[in-house]
Amino acid sequence: MNQSLRIAVAEDEPLMRKYLEETLTVMGHKVVQLAKTGRELVDQFRTLKPDLIITDVRMPDMDGLDAAAAIYAHDLVPIIVVSAHHDPDLIERAENKHVIAYLVKPIKQENLAPAIAIAMRRFQEFQATRQEADNLRQALEDRKILERAKGILMKRTGLDEPDAFRRLQKLARDNNRKLVDIAKNIVMAEEAFQKGEL
């Protein structure tokens, strides 16, 4: 992988922590955090803003999966967990905690490199899908507001639907505003007018 990443590592075993730091550095990445517990990982995450987290599962204070969940509650970041255990329950927990890859110790560089590359690719795909869903949601919300504004214009002016839509377009052009912004103003004005009538 050519891209150099800023990586946070959480591992309670000193030898494994050192091995990960050295291996990731040799691979061209920068290790920005070496946490001994999940709590330490979570506490420093917001300040350091790593591109990727590699965390052990079983650690004192807070395990890696709980740390992953705590981080994901506020920030989206790809997370790889490493474990000495090939435990189906742990794997299921990892799937539910937004973990992108699960590696079983001993970790070798030839396993770590593709895991990082795939984790970063999957995370980019996830982000793109999420953005697309957000855009679709926004488009649907905008469409609802436009329909409401058209309905208000039709009721207040007696225009038919195509003419009401053209009126909205003309208002947007004349005021150099987005169509949805004009629609929102009309809906807000109508709501204020209705409250005044009560």
Protein backbone atom coordinates (compact mmCIF):
# COMPACT_ATOMS: atom_id res chain seq x y z
CA MET A 1 0.00 0.00 0.00
CA ASN A 2 1.47 3.34 -1.07
CA GLN A 3 -0.61 5.61 1.13
CA SER A 4 1.02 6.57 4.42
CA LEU A 5 -1.49 6.53 7.25
CA ARG A 6 -1.60 8.00 10.74
CA ILE A 7 -2.41 4.96 12.89
CA ALA A 8 -3.47 4.60 16.52
CA VAL A 9 -2.51 1.30 18.17
CA ALA A 10 -4.10 -0.04 21.36
CA GLU A 11 -2.41 -3.13 22.81
CA ASP A 12 -1.77 -4.06 26.44
CA GLU A 13 1.15 -6.43 25.73
CA PRO A 14 4.38 -4.37 25.54
CA LEU A 15 6.12 -6.71 23.06
CA MET A 16 3.14 -6.76 20.70
CA ARG A 17 2.75 -3.00 21.01
CA LYS A 18 6.43 -2.52 20.06
CA TYR A 19 6.15 -5.05 17.22
CA LEU A 20 3.14 -3.24 15.74
CA GLU A 21 4.83 0.14 16.05
CA GLU A 22 8.01 -1.09 14.33
CA THR A 23 6.18 -3.06 11.62
CA LEU A 24 3.81 -0.21 10.77
CA THR A 25 6.73 2.24 10.64
CA VAL A 26 8.66 -0.08 8.28
CA MET A 27 5.51 -0.22 6.13
CA GLY A 28 5.66 3.58 5.80
CA HIS A 29 2.94 4.51 8.26
CA LYS A 30 3.14 6.88 11.23
CA VAL A 31 2.04 5.50 14.60
CA VAL A 32 0.48 8.51 16.34
CA GLN A 33 -0.73 6.68 19.46
CA LEU A 34 0.38 3.67 21.47
CA ALA A 35 -2.40 3.06 24.00
CA LYS A 36 -2.22 0.38 26.69
CA THR A 37 -5.99 0.25 27.28
CA GLY A 38 -9.22 0.88 25.41
CA ARG A 39 -9.96 3.83 27.70
CA GLU A 40 -6.63 5.44 26.78
CA LEU A 41 -7.42 4.92 23.08
CA VAL A 42 -10.82 6.59 23.41
CA ASP A 43 -9.51 9.48 25.55
CA GLN A 44 -6.78 10.43 23.06
CA PHE A 45 -8.65 9.67 19.85
CA ARG A 46 -10.33 13.05 19.38
CA THR A 47 -7.06 14.95 19.82
CA LEU A 48 -5.01 12.72 17.51
CA LYS A 49 -7.62 11.99 14.80
CA PRO A 50 -5.88 8.92 13.30
CA ASP A 51 -6.74 7.58 9.83
CA LEU A 52 -6.93 4.02 11.16
CA ILE A 53 -7.14 2.22 14.51
CA ILE A 54 -5.57 -1.17 15.22
CA THR A 55 -6.69 -2.45 18.59
CA ASP A 56 -6.38 -5.62 20.62
CA VAL A 57 -9.70 -7.02 21.82
CA ARG A 58 -8.89 -8.06 25.38
CA MET A 59 -7.36 -5.22 27.40
CA PRO A 60 -7.78 -3.93 30.95
CA ASP A 61 -10.04 -0.98 31.73
CA MET A 62 -12.03 -1.16 28.46
CA ASP A 63 -11.70 -3.79 25.77
CA GLY A 64 -10.99 -2.94 22.15
CA LEU A 65 -14.53 -3.62 20.95
CA ASP A 66 -16.10 -1.36 23.58
CA ALA A 67 -13.49 1.30 22.68
CA ALA A 68 -14.43 0.91 18.99
CA ALA A 69 -18.11 1.41 19.85
CA ALA A 70 -17.33 4.49 21.98
CA ILE A 71 -15.28 6.05 19.16
CA TYR A 72 -17.87 5.18 16.51
CA ALA A 73 -20.56 6.92 18.53
CA HIS A 74 -18.84 10.24 17.69
CA ASP A 75 -16.47 9.66 14.76
CA LEU A 76 -16.22 7.34 11.79
CA VAL A 77 -12.83 5.70 11.41
CA PRO A 78 -11.74 2.31 10.06
CA ILE A 79 -10.93 -0.15 12.85
CA ILE A 80 -8.95 -3.38 12.68
CA VAL A 81 -9.04 -5.62 15.74
CA VAL A 82 -6.37 -8.15 16.62
CA SER A 83 -6.89 -11.02 19.02
CA ALA A 84 -5.15 -14.12 20.25
CA HIS A 85 -8.57 -15.79 20.20
CA HIS A 86 -10.52 -17.11 17.23
CA ASP A 87 -13.72 -16.88 19.21
CA PRO A 88 -17.08 -16.81 17.33
CA ASP A 89 -18.62 -14.62 20.06
CA LEU A 90 -15.80 -12.08 19.71
CA ILE A 91 -16.15 -12.11 15.93
CA GLU A 92 -19.88 -11.49 16.24
CA ARG A 93 -19.25 -8.64 18.68
CA ALA A 94 -16.69 -7.20 16.24
CA GLU A 95 -19.23 -7.27 13.41
CA ASN A 96 -21.67 -5.32 15.57
CA LYS A 97 -19.04 -2.72 16.56
CA HIS A 98 -18.25 -1.44 13.03
CA VAL A 99 -14.96 -3.33 12.83
CA ILE A 100 -13.67 -3.65 9.27
CA ALA A 101 -11.06 -6.40 9.77
CA TYR A 102 -10.31 -9.04 12.40
CA LEU A 103 -6.80 -10.52 12.61
CA VAL A 104 -5.77 -13.44 14.77
CA LYS A 105 -2.34 -13.33 16.42
CA PRO A 106 0.46 -13.89 15.65
CA ILE A 107 0.32 -10.95 13.24
CA LYS A 108 2.78 -10.94 10.36
CA GLN A 109 3.58 -8.01 8.10
CA GLU A 110 2.36 -9.97 5.06
CA ASN A 111 -1.06 -10.30 6.79
CA LEU A 112 -1.14 -6.75 8.12
CA ALA A 113 -0.46 -4.99 4.80
CA PRO A 114 -3.43 -6.47 2.89
CA ALA A 115 -5.70 -6.12 5.94
CA ILE A 116 -4.91 -2.38 6.09
CA ALA A 117 -5.36 -1.95 2.33
CA ILE A 118 -8.72 -3.75 2.34
CA ALA A 119 -9.89 -1.97 5.51
CA MET A 120 -9.16 1.44 3.96
CA ARG A 121 -10.89 0.50 0.69
CA ARG A 122 -13.97 -0.86 2.49
CA PHE A 123 -14.13 2.23 4.67
CA GLN A 124 -14.00 4.52 1.61
CA GLU A 125 -16.81 2.49 0.03
CA PHE A 126 -18.80 2.72 3.27
CA GLN A 127 -18.29 6.50 3.37
CA ALA A 128 -19.37 6.86 -0.28
CA THR A 129 -22.51 4.76 0.34
CA ARG A 130 -23.30 6.76 3.46
CA GLN A 131 -22.88 10.05 1.55
CA GLU A 132 -25.13 8.75 -1.21
CA ALA A 133 -27.80 7.79 1.34
CA ASP A 134 -27.52 11.24 2.97
CA ASN A 135 -27.89 12.90 -0.46
CA LEU A 136 -30.96 10.79 -1.26
CA ARG A 137 -32.49 11.62 2.12
CA GLN A 138 -31.84 15.33 1.54
CA ALA A 139 -33.29 15.15 -1.98
CA LEU A 140 -36.44 13.52 -0.56
CA GLU A 141 -36.75 16.20 2.14
CA ASP A 142 -36.26 18.94 -0.48
CA ARG A 143 -38.89 17.32 -2.69
CA LYS A 144 -41.42 17.27 0.19
CA ILE A 145 -40.81 20.98 0.88
CA LEU A 146 -41.20 21.84 -2.83
CA GLU A 147 -44.48 19.91 -2.96
CA ARG A 148 -45.75 21.72 0.14
CA ALA A 149 -44.75 25.12 -1.27
CA LYS A 150 -46.46 24.31 -4.59
CA GLY A 151 -49.60 23.30 -2.71
CA ILE A 152 -49.57 26.56 -0.75
CA LEU A 153 -49.18 28.64 -3.94
CA MET A 154 -51.98 26.69 -5.62
CA LYS A 155 -54.29 27.27 -2.65
CA ARG A 156 -53.40 30.94 -2.17
CA THR A 157 -53.28 32.02 -5.83
CA GLY A 158 -55.51 29.54 -7.68
CA LEU A 159 -52.61 28.51 -9.94
CA ASP A 160 -52.45 24.98 -11.32
CA GLU A 161 -49.49 22.75 -10.42
CA PRO A 162 -47.21 23.53 -13.44
CA ASP A 163 -47.81 27.29 -13.02
CA ALA A 164 -47.16 27.09 -9.27
CA PHE A 165 -43.85 25.34 -9.97
CA ARG A 166 -42.93 27.97 -12.60
CA ARG A 167 -43.73 30.68 -10.04
CA LEU A 168 -41.33 29.02 -7.58
CA GLN A 169 -38.64 28.84 -10.28
CA LYS A 170 -39.13 32.52 -11.17
CA LEU A 171 -38.92 33.56 -7.51
CA ALA A 172 -35.70 31.57 -7.15
CA ARG A 173 -34.20 33.15 -10.30
CA ASP A 174 -35.29 36.69 -9.44
CA ASN A 175 -33.84 36.40 -5.92
CA ASN A 176 -30.77 34.41 -6.98
CA ARG A 177 -31.66 31.70 -4.44
CA LYS A 178 -32.01 27.95 -4.53
CA LEU A 179 -35.46 26.64 -5.37
CA VAL A 180 -35.65 24.72 -2.09
CA ASP A 181 -34.77 27.87 -0.09
CA ILE A 182 -37.64 29.77 -1.71
CA ALA A 183 -39.93 26.80 -0.98
CA LYS A 184 -38.82 26.77 2.68
CA ASN A 185 -39.59 30.50 2.97
CA ILE A 186 -43.08 29.98 1.54
CA VAL A 187 -43.76 27.08 3.92
CA MET A 188 -42.47 29.09 6.90
CA ALA A 189 -44.58 32.11 5.90
CA GLU A 190 -47.66 29.90 5.59
CA GLU A 191 -47.03 28.34 9.01
CA ALA A 192 -46.61 31.79 10.56
CA PHE A 193 -49.78 32.99 8.83
CA GLN A 194 -51.76 29.98 10.09
CA LYS A 195 -50.55 30.56 13.66
CA GLY A 196 -51.64 34.16 13.37
CA GLU A 197 -55.11 33.01 12.30
CA LEU A 198 -55.59 30.80 15.37
